[in-house]
Protein backbone atom coordinates (compact mmCIF):
# COMPACT_ATOMS: atom_id res chain seq x y z
CA UNK A 1 12.71 11.19 36.29
CA UNK A 2 11.00 14.62 36.31
CA UNK A 3 7.30 15.08 36.99
CA UNK A 4 6.76 16.14 33.37
CA UNK A 5 8.55 13.06 31.99
CA UNK A 6 6.58 10.78 34.31
CA UNK A 7 3.34 12.38 33.16
CA UNK A 8 4.20 11.92 29.46
CA UNK A 9 5.26 8.29 30.06
CA UNK A 10 2.00 7.58 31.90
CA UNK A 11 -0.02 9.07 29.04
CA UNK A 12 1.83 6.95 26.48
CA UNK A 13 1.22 3.80 28.52
CA UNK A 14 -2.47 4.66 28.85
CA UNK A 15 -2.65 5.19 25.09
CA UNK A 16 -1.11 1.78 24.43
CA UNK A 17 -3.61 0.08 26.77
CA UNK A 18 -6.51 1.99 25.18
CA UNK A 19 -5.34 1.06 21.66
CA UNK A 20 -5.01 -2.63 22.58
CA UNK A 21 -8.52 -2.66 24.10
CA UNK A 22 -10.03 -1.01 21.01
CA UNK A 23 -8.27 -3.50 18.76
CA UNK A 24 -9.51 -6.47 20.76
CA UNK A 25 -13.09 -5.20 20.55
CA UNK A 26 -12.83 -4.41 16.82
CA UNK A 27 -11.59 -7.87 15.83
CA UNK A 28 -14.42 -9.79 17.47
CA UNK A 29 -16.23 -11.91 14.93
CA UNK A 30 -13.11 -12.66 12.87
CA UNK A 31 -11.68 -16.14 12.55
CA UNK A 32 -8.53 -16.79 14.54
CA UNK A 33 -6.28 -16.60 11.45
CA UNK A 34 -7.95 -13.34 10.32
CA UNK A 35 -7.57 -11.85 13.78
CA UNK A 36 -3.87 -12.78 13.86
CA UNK A 37 -3.36 -11.08 10.51
CA UNK A 38 -5.04 -7.87 11.71
CA UNK A 39 -2.94 -7.89 14.88
CA UNK A 40 0.26 -8.48 12.90
CA UNK A 41 -0.56 -5.73 10.42
CA UNK A 42 -1.34 -3.14 13.07
CA UNK A 43 1.55 -4.12 15.35
CA UNK A 44 4.18 -4.55 12.61
CA UNK A 45 5.37 -7.89 13.99
CA UNK A 46 6.52 -9.20 10.61
CA UNK A 47 9.23 -6.59 10.12
CA UNK A 48 10.54 -6.92 13.66
CA UNK A 49 11.00 -10.68 13.23
CA UNK A 50 13.44 -10.24 10.36
CA UNK A 51 17.09 -11.07 10.93
CA UNK A 52 20.27 -10.66 8.92
CA UNK A 53 22.84 -13.44 8.79
CA UNK A 54 26.62 -13.11 8.92
CA UNK A 55 26.61 -13.58 5.15
CA UNK A 56 24.66 -10.32 4.83
CA UNK A 57 21.55 -12.09 3.55
CA UNK A 58 18.13 -11.29 4.90
CA UNK A 59 16.20 -14.03 6.68
CA UNK A 60 12.48 -13.61 7.28
CA UNK A 61 10.29 -15.22 9.88
CA UNK A 62 8.32 -18.11 8.47
CA UNK A 63 5.23 -15.98 7.79
CA UNK A 64 7.35 -13.87 5.42
CA UNK A 65 9.56 -16.65 4.13
CA UNK A 66 9.10 -17.23 0.39
CA UNK A 67 10.44 -20.63 -0.70
CA UNK A 68 11.13 -20.66 -4.42
CA UNK A 69 8.79 -23.57 -5.10
CA UNK A 70 5.87 -21.80 -3.40
CA UNK A 71 6.65 -18.56 -5.28
CA UNK A 72 6.78 -20.45 -8.57
CA UNK A 73 3.52 -22.26 -7.85
CA UNK A 74 1.82 -19.04 -6.74
CA UNK A 75 2.84 -17.36 -9.99
CA UNK A 76 1.39 -20.26 -11.95
CA UNK A 77 -1.82 -20.09 -9.92
CA UNK A 78 -2.04 -16.35 -10.55
CA UNK A 79 -1.82 -16.89 -14.31
CA UNK A 80 -4.57 -19.51 -14.07
CA UNK A 81 -6.78 -17.16 -12.03
CA UNK A 82 -6.23 -14.36 -14.56
CA UNK A 83 -7.28 -16.69 -17.36
CA UNK A 84 -10.48 -17.55 -15.46
CA UNK A 85 -11.54 -13.95 -14.72
CA UNK A 86 -14.83 -12.91 -16.37
CA UNK A 87 -14.13 -10.93 -19.55
CA UNK A 88 -16.19 -7.95 -18.37
CA UNK A 89 -14.18 -7.74 -15.14
CA UNK A 90 -10.81 -8.06 -16.88
CA UNK A 91 -11.28 -6.00 -20.07
CA UNK A 92 -8.31 -3.68 -19.40
CA UNK A 93 -6.11 -6.52 -18.15
CA UNK A 94 -6.74 -8.54 -21.31
CA UNK A 95 -6.05 -5.49 -23.44
CA UNK A 96 -2.72 -5.09 -21.63
CA UNK A 97 -1.94 -8.78 -22.20
CA UNK A 98 -2.55 -8.41 -25.92
CA UNK A 99 -0.40 -5.27 -26.08
CA UNK A 100 2.54 -6.55 -24.03
CA UNK A 101 2.36 -10.00 -22.39
CA UNK A 102 5.99 -9.64 -21.32
CA UNK A 103 5.08 -6.59 -19.23
CA UNK A 104 1.98 -8.07 -17.57
CA UNK A 105 3.51 -11.51 -16.96
CA UNK A 106 6.86 -10.19 -15.77
CA UNK A 107 7.80 -12.17 -12.66
CA UNK A 108 8.62 -9.19 -10.46
CA UNK A 109 5.49 -7.34 -11.55
CA UNK A 110 3.25 -10.30 -10.71
CA UNK A 111 5.00 -10.81 -7.38
CA UNK A 112 3.94 -7.31 -6.31
CA UNK A 113 0.28 -8.29 -6.52
CA UNK A 114 0.80 -11.66 -4.87
CA UNK A 115 2.62 -10.06 -1.95
CA UNK A 116 -0.06 -7.39 -1.64
CA UNK A 117 -2.60 -10.19 -1.13
CA UNK A 118 -0.22 -12.40 0.91
CA UNK A 119 -0.01 -14.95 -1.91
CA UNK A 120 -3.75 -15.39 -2.33
CA UNK A 121 -3.78 -15.90 -6.12
CA UNK A 122 -7.53 -15.28 -6.72
CA UNK A 123 -7.42 -11.98 -4.84
CA UNK A 124 -4.19 -10.99 -6.57
CA UNK A 125 -5.80 -11.60 -9.96
CA UNK A 126 -8.77 -9.39 -9.06
CA UNK A 127 -6.42 -6.66 -7.79
CA UNK A 128 -4.45 -6.83 -11.03
CA UNK A 129 -7.63 -6.51 -13.10
CA UNK A 130 -8.68 -3.44 -11.10
CA UNK A 131 -5.16 -2.05 -11.43
CA UNK A 132 -5.24 -2.05 -15.22
CA UNK A 133 -8.83 -0.81 -15.32
CA UNK A 134 -7.92 2.29 -13.28
CA UNK A 135 -4.63 2.75 -15.12
CA UNK A 136 -6.41 2.75 -18.47
CA UNK A 137 -8.93 5.29 -17.16
CA UNK A 138 -6.31 7.64 -15.67
CA UNK A 139 -3.47 7.44 -18.17
CA UNK A 140 -4.90 6.05 -21.40
CA UNK A 141 -3.98 3.13 -23.61
CA UNK A 142 -0.58 4.47 -24.69
CA UNK A 143 0.71 4.23 -21.09
CA UNK A 144 -1.08 1.04 -20.12
CA UNK A 145 1.88 -1.33 -20.42
CA UNK A 146 4.70 0.71 -18.97
CA UNK A 147 5.60 2.23 -15.62
CA UNK A 148 4.24 5.70 -14.83
CA UNK A 149 6.95 8.35 -14.41
CA UNK A 150 6.95 11.96 -13.23
CA UNK A 151 7.12 13.01 -16.86
CA UNK A 152 3.72 11.36 -17.40
CA UNK A 153 2.04 13.80 -15.00
CA UNK A 154 0.69 17.03 -16.50
CA UNK A 155 1.19 20.49 -15.02
CA UNK A 156 -1.88 20.34 -12.79
CA UNK A 157 -0.92 16.84 -11.60
CA UNK A 158 2.54 18.12 -10.64
CA UNK A 159 1.08 21.16 -8.87
CA UNK A 160 -1.09 18.78 -6.86
CA UNK A 161 1.85 16.52 -6.03
CA UNK A 162 4.01 19.49 -4.98
CA UNK A 163 1.46 20.73 -2.44
CA UNK A 164 2.75 18.03 -0.09
CA UNK A 165 -0.75 16.87 0.84
CA UNK A 166 0.56 13.38 0.06
CA UNK A 167 4.06 12.51 1.30
CA UNK A 168 6.32 9.51 1.86
CA UNK A 169 8.05 9.97 5.21
CA UNK A 170 11.78 9.44 5.62
CA UNK A 171 11.36 7.57 8.90
CA UNK A 172 9.92 4.05 9.15
CA UNK A 173 7.43 2.93 11.77
CA UNK A 174 8.14 0.48 14.62
CA UNK A 175 7.56 -2.44 12.24
CA UNK A 176 10.17 -1.13 9.74
CA UNK A 177 7.40 -0.13 7.33
CA UNK A 178 7.16 2.90 5.07
CA UNK A 179 4.76 5.59 6.37
CA UNK A 180 2.48 7.46 3.95
CA UNK A 181 1.21 10.86 5.16
CA UNK A 182 -2.01 12.54 3.96
CA UNK A 183 -2.91 16.11 4.89
CA UNK A 184 -6.56 17.15 5.28
CA UNK A 185 -7.78 14.02 3.47
CA UNK A 186 -6.21 15.26 0.20
CA UNK A 187 -8.68 18.17 0.01
CA UNK A 188 -8.12 21.55 -1.70
CA UNK A 189 -4.90 20.41 -3.39
CA UNK A 190 -6.17 19.84 -6.93
CA UNK A 191 -8.07 21.47 -9.80
CA UNK A 192 -9.65 18.27 -11.11
CA UNK A 193 -10.14 14.99 -9.25
CA UNK A 194 -7.93 13.24 -11.77
CA UNK A 195 -5.00 15.39 -10.59
CA UNK A 196 -5.01 13.90 -7.10
CA UNK A 197 -5.77 10.40 -8.40
CA UNK A 198 -2.82 10.45 -10.82
CA UNK A 199 -0.55 11.89 -8.12
CA UNK A 200 -1.64 9.15 -5.73
CA UNK A 201 -1.02 6.55 -8.43
CA UNK A 202 2.47 7.87 -9.10
CA UNK A 203 3.51 7.82 -5.43
CA UNK A 204 2.34 4.26 -4.82
CA UNK A 205 3.76 3.06 -8.10
CA UNK A 206 7.11 4.56 -7.07
CA UNK A 207 7.25 2.96 -3.63
CA UNK A 208 5.96 -0.41 -4.87
CA UNK A 209 9.35 -1.09 -6.47
CA UNK A 210 10.81 -1.58 -2.97
CA UNK A 211 10.89 -5.21 -1.88
CA UNK A 212 10.48 -4.11 1.74
CA UNK A 213 7.26 -2.29 0.82
CA UNK A 214 6.04 -5.35 -1.07
CA UNK A 215 6.74 -7.75 1.81
CA UNK A 216 5.92 -5.56 4.81
CA UNK A 217 3.24 -3.22 3.45
CA UNK A 218 2.74 0.42 4.46
CA UNK A 219 1.32 2.40 7.36
CA UNK A 220 -0.96 5.36 6.60
CA UNK A 221 -1.48 8.51 8.68
CA UNK A 222 -4.21 10.98 7.69
CA UNK A 223 -3.70 14.29 9.53
CA UNK A 224 -7.03 16.15 9.60
CA UNK A 225 -6.30 18.76 12.25
CA UNK A 226 -6.08 22.51 11.61
CA UNK A 227 -9.46 23.35 10.12
CA UNK A 228 -12.02 21.93 7.68
CA UNK A 229 -11.92 22.61 3.90
CA UNK A 230 -13.60 25.94 3.13
CA UNK A 231 -15.57 24.51 0.22
CA UNK A 232 -16.59 21.38 2.08
CA UNK A 233 -15.65 17.79 1.29
CA UNK A 234 -15.59 16.33 -2.22
CA UNK A 235 -17.13 12.94 -1.48
CA UNK A 236 -16.87 11.77 -5.08
CA UNK A 237 -13.10 12.23 -4.75
CA UNK A 238 -13.27 10.28 -1.48
CA UNK A 239 -15.09 7.45 -3.23
CA UNK A 240 -12.58 7.30 -6.06
CA UNK A 241 -9.61 7.36 -3.69
CA UNK A 242 -11.16 4.49 -1.69
CA UNK A 243 -11.52 2.52 -4.93
CA UNK A 244 -8.01 3.40 -6.13
CA UNK A 245 -6.47 2.03 -2.94
CA UNK A 246 -7.79 -1.42 -3.89
CA UNK A 247 -5.79 -1.36 -7.15
CA UNK A 248 -2.27 -0.68 -5.90
CA UNK A 249 0.17 -3.60 -5.61
CA UNK A 250 0.81 -2.48 -2.02
CA UNK A 251 -0.63 -3.91 1.19
CA UNK A 252 -2.20 -1.34 3.53
CA UNK A 253 -1.39 -2.64 7.02
CA UNK A 254 -2.93 0.20 9.00
CA UNK A 255 -4.83 3.44 8.46
CA UNK A 256 -4.88 6.15 11.14
CA UNK A 257 -7.14 9.18 10.53
CA UNK A 258 -6.35 11.90 13.09
CA UNK A 259 -9.28 14.25 13.77
CA UNK A 260 -10.45 16.91 16.21
CA UNK A 261 -14.00 17.75 15.08
CA UNK A 262 -17.37 16.18 14.28
CA UNK A 263 -17.08 17.35 10.67
CA UNK A 264 -13.92 15.30 10.16
CA UNK A 265 -15.52 12.35 11.97
CA UNK A 266 -18.25 12.31 9.30
CA UNK A 267 -15.60 12.28 6.56
CA UNK A 268 -13.84 9.32 8.16
CA UNK A 269 -17.12 7.43 8.62
CA UNK A 270 -17.96 8.01 4.95
CA UNK A 271 -14.53 6.83 3.81
CA UNK A 272 -14.86 3.75 6.01
CA UNK A 273 -18.17 2.81 4.37
CA UNK A 274 -16.62 3.24 0.91
CA UNK A 275 -13.55 1.18 1.80
CA UNK A 276 -13.12 -2.58 1.70
CA UNK A 277 -13.84 -4.75 4.73
CA UNK A 278 -10.10 -5.52 4.83
CA UNK A 279 -9.21 -1.84 5.34
CA UNK A 280 -12.04 -1.17 7.80
CA UNK A 281 -10.59 -3.72 10.23
CA UNK A 282 -7.25 -1.87 10.01
CA UNK A 283 -8.64 1.66 10.40
CA UNK A 284 -8.23 3.28 13.81
CA UNK A 285 -9.39 6.85 14.46
CA UNK A 286 -7.21 9.03 16.70
CA UNK A 287 -9.03 11.98 18.29
CA UNK A 288 -7.56 15.00 20.06
CA UNK A 289 -5.45 18.11 19.64
CA UNK A 290 -2.00 18.08 18.03
CA UNK A 291 -0.10 17.15 21.19
CA UNK A 292 -2.50 14.34 22.06
CA UNK A 293 -2.43 12.95 18.52
CA UNK A 294 1.38 12.96 18.49
CA UNK A 295 1.48 11.04 21.77
CA UNK A 296 -1.00 8.45 20.52
CA UNK A 297 0.89 7.94 17.26
CA UNK A 298 4.15 7.50 19.16
CA UNK A 299 2.48 4.96 21.45
CA UNK A 300 1.59 2.73 18.49
CA UNK A 301 4.99 2.97 16.84
CA UNK A 302 4.50 5.83 14.36
CA UNK A 303 7.47 8.26 14.17
CA UNK A 304 5.30 11.25 15.09
CA UNK A 305 8.33 13.58 15.24
CA UNK A 306 8.82 12.93 11.51
CA UNK A 307 5.31 14.07 10.53
CA UNK A 308 5.59 17.16 8.29
CA UNK A 309 3.38 19.44 10.40
CA UNK A 310 4.06 22.09 13.01
CA UNK A 311 2.48 22.23 16.46
CA UNK A 312 0.00 24.70 14.89
CA UNK A 313 -0.95 22.02 12.32
CA UNK A 314 0.74 23.86 9.44
CA UNK A 315 2.04 21.68 6.62
CA UNK A 316 5.79 21.38 5.90
CA UNK A 317 6.88 20.37 2.39
CA UNK A 318 10.69 20.80 2.29
CA UNK A 319 11.52 17.09 2.56
CA UNK A 320 8.73 16.23 0.14
CA UNK A 321 10.00 18.56 -2.57
CA UNK A 322 13.43 16.97 -2.15
CA UNK A 323 11.82 13.53 -2.55
CA UNK A 324 10.31 14.66 -5.85
CA UNK A 325 13.71 15.95 -7.00
CA UNK A 326 15.34 12.66 -6.04
CA UNK A 327 12.69 10.75 -7.97
CA UNK A 328 13.25 12.94 -11.00
CA UNK A 329 17.01 12.39 -10.94
CA UNK A 330 16.53 8.66 -10.39
CA UNK A 331 14.23 8.37 -13.38
CA UNK A 332 16.47 10.48 -15.60
CA UNK A 333 19.65 8.61 -14.71
CA UNK A 334 18.21 5.10 -14.60
CA UNK A 335 19.96 2.88 -17.09
CA UNK A 336 17.55 0.01 -16.56
CA UNK A 337 15.02 -0.18 -19.36
CA UNK A 338 11.38 -0.95 -18.50
CA UNK A 339 10.10 -4.48 -19.26
CA UNK A 340 8.35 -3.46 -22.51
CA UNK A 341 11.70 -2.33 -23.97
CA UNK A 342 13.58 -5.58 -23.37
CA UNK A 343 15.45 -7.36 -26.12
CA UNK A 344 13.61 -9.73 -28.45
CA UNK A 345 15.32 -12.71 -26.80
CA UNK A 346 14.12 -11.61 -23.36
CA UNK A 347 10.59 -11.06 -24.65
CA UNK A 348 10.54 -14.47 -26.30
CA UNK A 349 11.77 -16.11 -23.10
CA UNK A 350 8.78 -14.66 -21.23
CA UNK A 351 6.12 -15.33 -23.81
CA UNK A 352 7.28 -18.90 -24.47
CA UNK A 353 6.61 -19.71 -20.82
CA UNK A 354 3.05 -18.35 -20.86
CA UNK A 355 1.28 -21.29 -22.55
CA UNK A 356 2.96 -23.68 -20.12
CA UNK A 357 1.86 -21.55 -17.18
CA UNK A 358 -1.68 -21.10 -18.42
CA UNK A 359 -2.22 -24.82 -19.05
CA UNK A 360 -1.06 -26.03 -15.65
CA UNK A 361 -4.54 -26.22 -14.16
CA UNK A 362 -4.25 -29.92 -13.36
CA UNK A 363 -1.43 -29.20 -10.90
CA UNK A 364 -3.13 -26.20 -9.30
CA UNK A 365 -5.10 -28.05 -6.62
CA UNK A 366 -2.02 -29.89 -5.34
CA UNK A 367 -0.06 -26.64 -5.10
CA UNK A 368 -2.87 -24.86 -3.29
CA UNK A 369 -3.04 -27.69 -0.78
CA UNK A 370 0.68 -27.28 -0.10
CA UNK A 371 0.21 -23.57 0.42
CA UNK A 372 -2.67 -24.16 2.82
CA UNK A 373 -0.47 -26.51 4.82
CA UNK A 374 2.34 -23.96 4.83
CA UNK A 375 0.01 -21.17 5.98
CA UNK A 376 -1.02 -23.26 9.00
CA UNK A 377 2.54 -23.68 10.23
CA UNK A 378 3.41 -21.55 13.21
CA UNK A 379 5.77 -18.61 12.59
CA UNK A 380 9.17 -18.55 14.20
CA UNK A 381 9.26 -16.64 17.45
């Protein structure tokens, strides 16, 4: 092995040790189960414990295994929790239910929120309420009960999306998770704040259709090297982005802001304060120049060579523009109609089940006890 290779290997090992030490210090004060969840999210253990049988079927480790009875019970519990939400907190959600119960209560749609909260029905209900509240604010009532498509974005939204300040990387991280890339904290890429918020909504709505994303979550890399925004930081946009993150039916497993100045450190600190406690435990700041940041990202399993930036911190958008084109073609050619356009028989099948689901409160406690027992079982190694 050459001297240069040995030096790079040593630096990567040092980065891994440093990262593990920081993580151990950061998780002090958490319960053992909470600490295990943080470790699993940051390390990507869940995805690496998946196996595929000779029959081609996917088999998850026990912490990702979803027995049909538990899924069914969790869906019932979610419907109960939705029914018990305060009316002020769930105004938009109840409006959506009145407009199209078959859309809101669609099994696959509800599963997104349950998986985002690891089958915690009360939290999933709150996330769903926030989801519809933000959707109503950003897209209006006419788009409340259908999926958001590229065609729903206006010209300024599309210009923002095409800047490439927000990208979905082709490569997965070490835990087989999708990596979301943000450039310069989504600054100077929009005319109005709503442009970046609607673009962000579209991207996460698009990736949330993937079952892998639903089950494994996503990793986030915020690349803030290469200068600070000329007009300063729009902290109201930062606040709204932090709130919007809480509404997506996607689990954020890790969040890595990469910085090289005190100005960017202040931005990250502000975002951290505005974020949920859940995300703060999963936020790890990486400091240094481009080369150092790339080494640190590689050490923790991020495909740093796939990041769309040059060694001079210039943004690359070729792959991103192709992603947009692929999304456009996919949406244009899709023969699958959205839930709100199903046949009358399919709609009736969904709505007929709702009263049964919403009146199952007497069985809820027993089901929750079973889930608590299941959550205490050790995962397969």
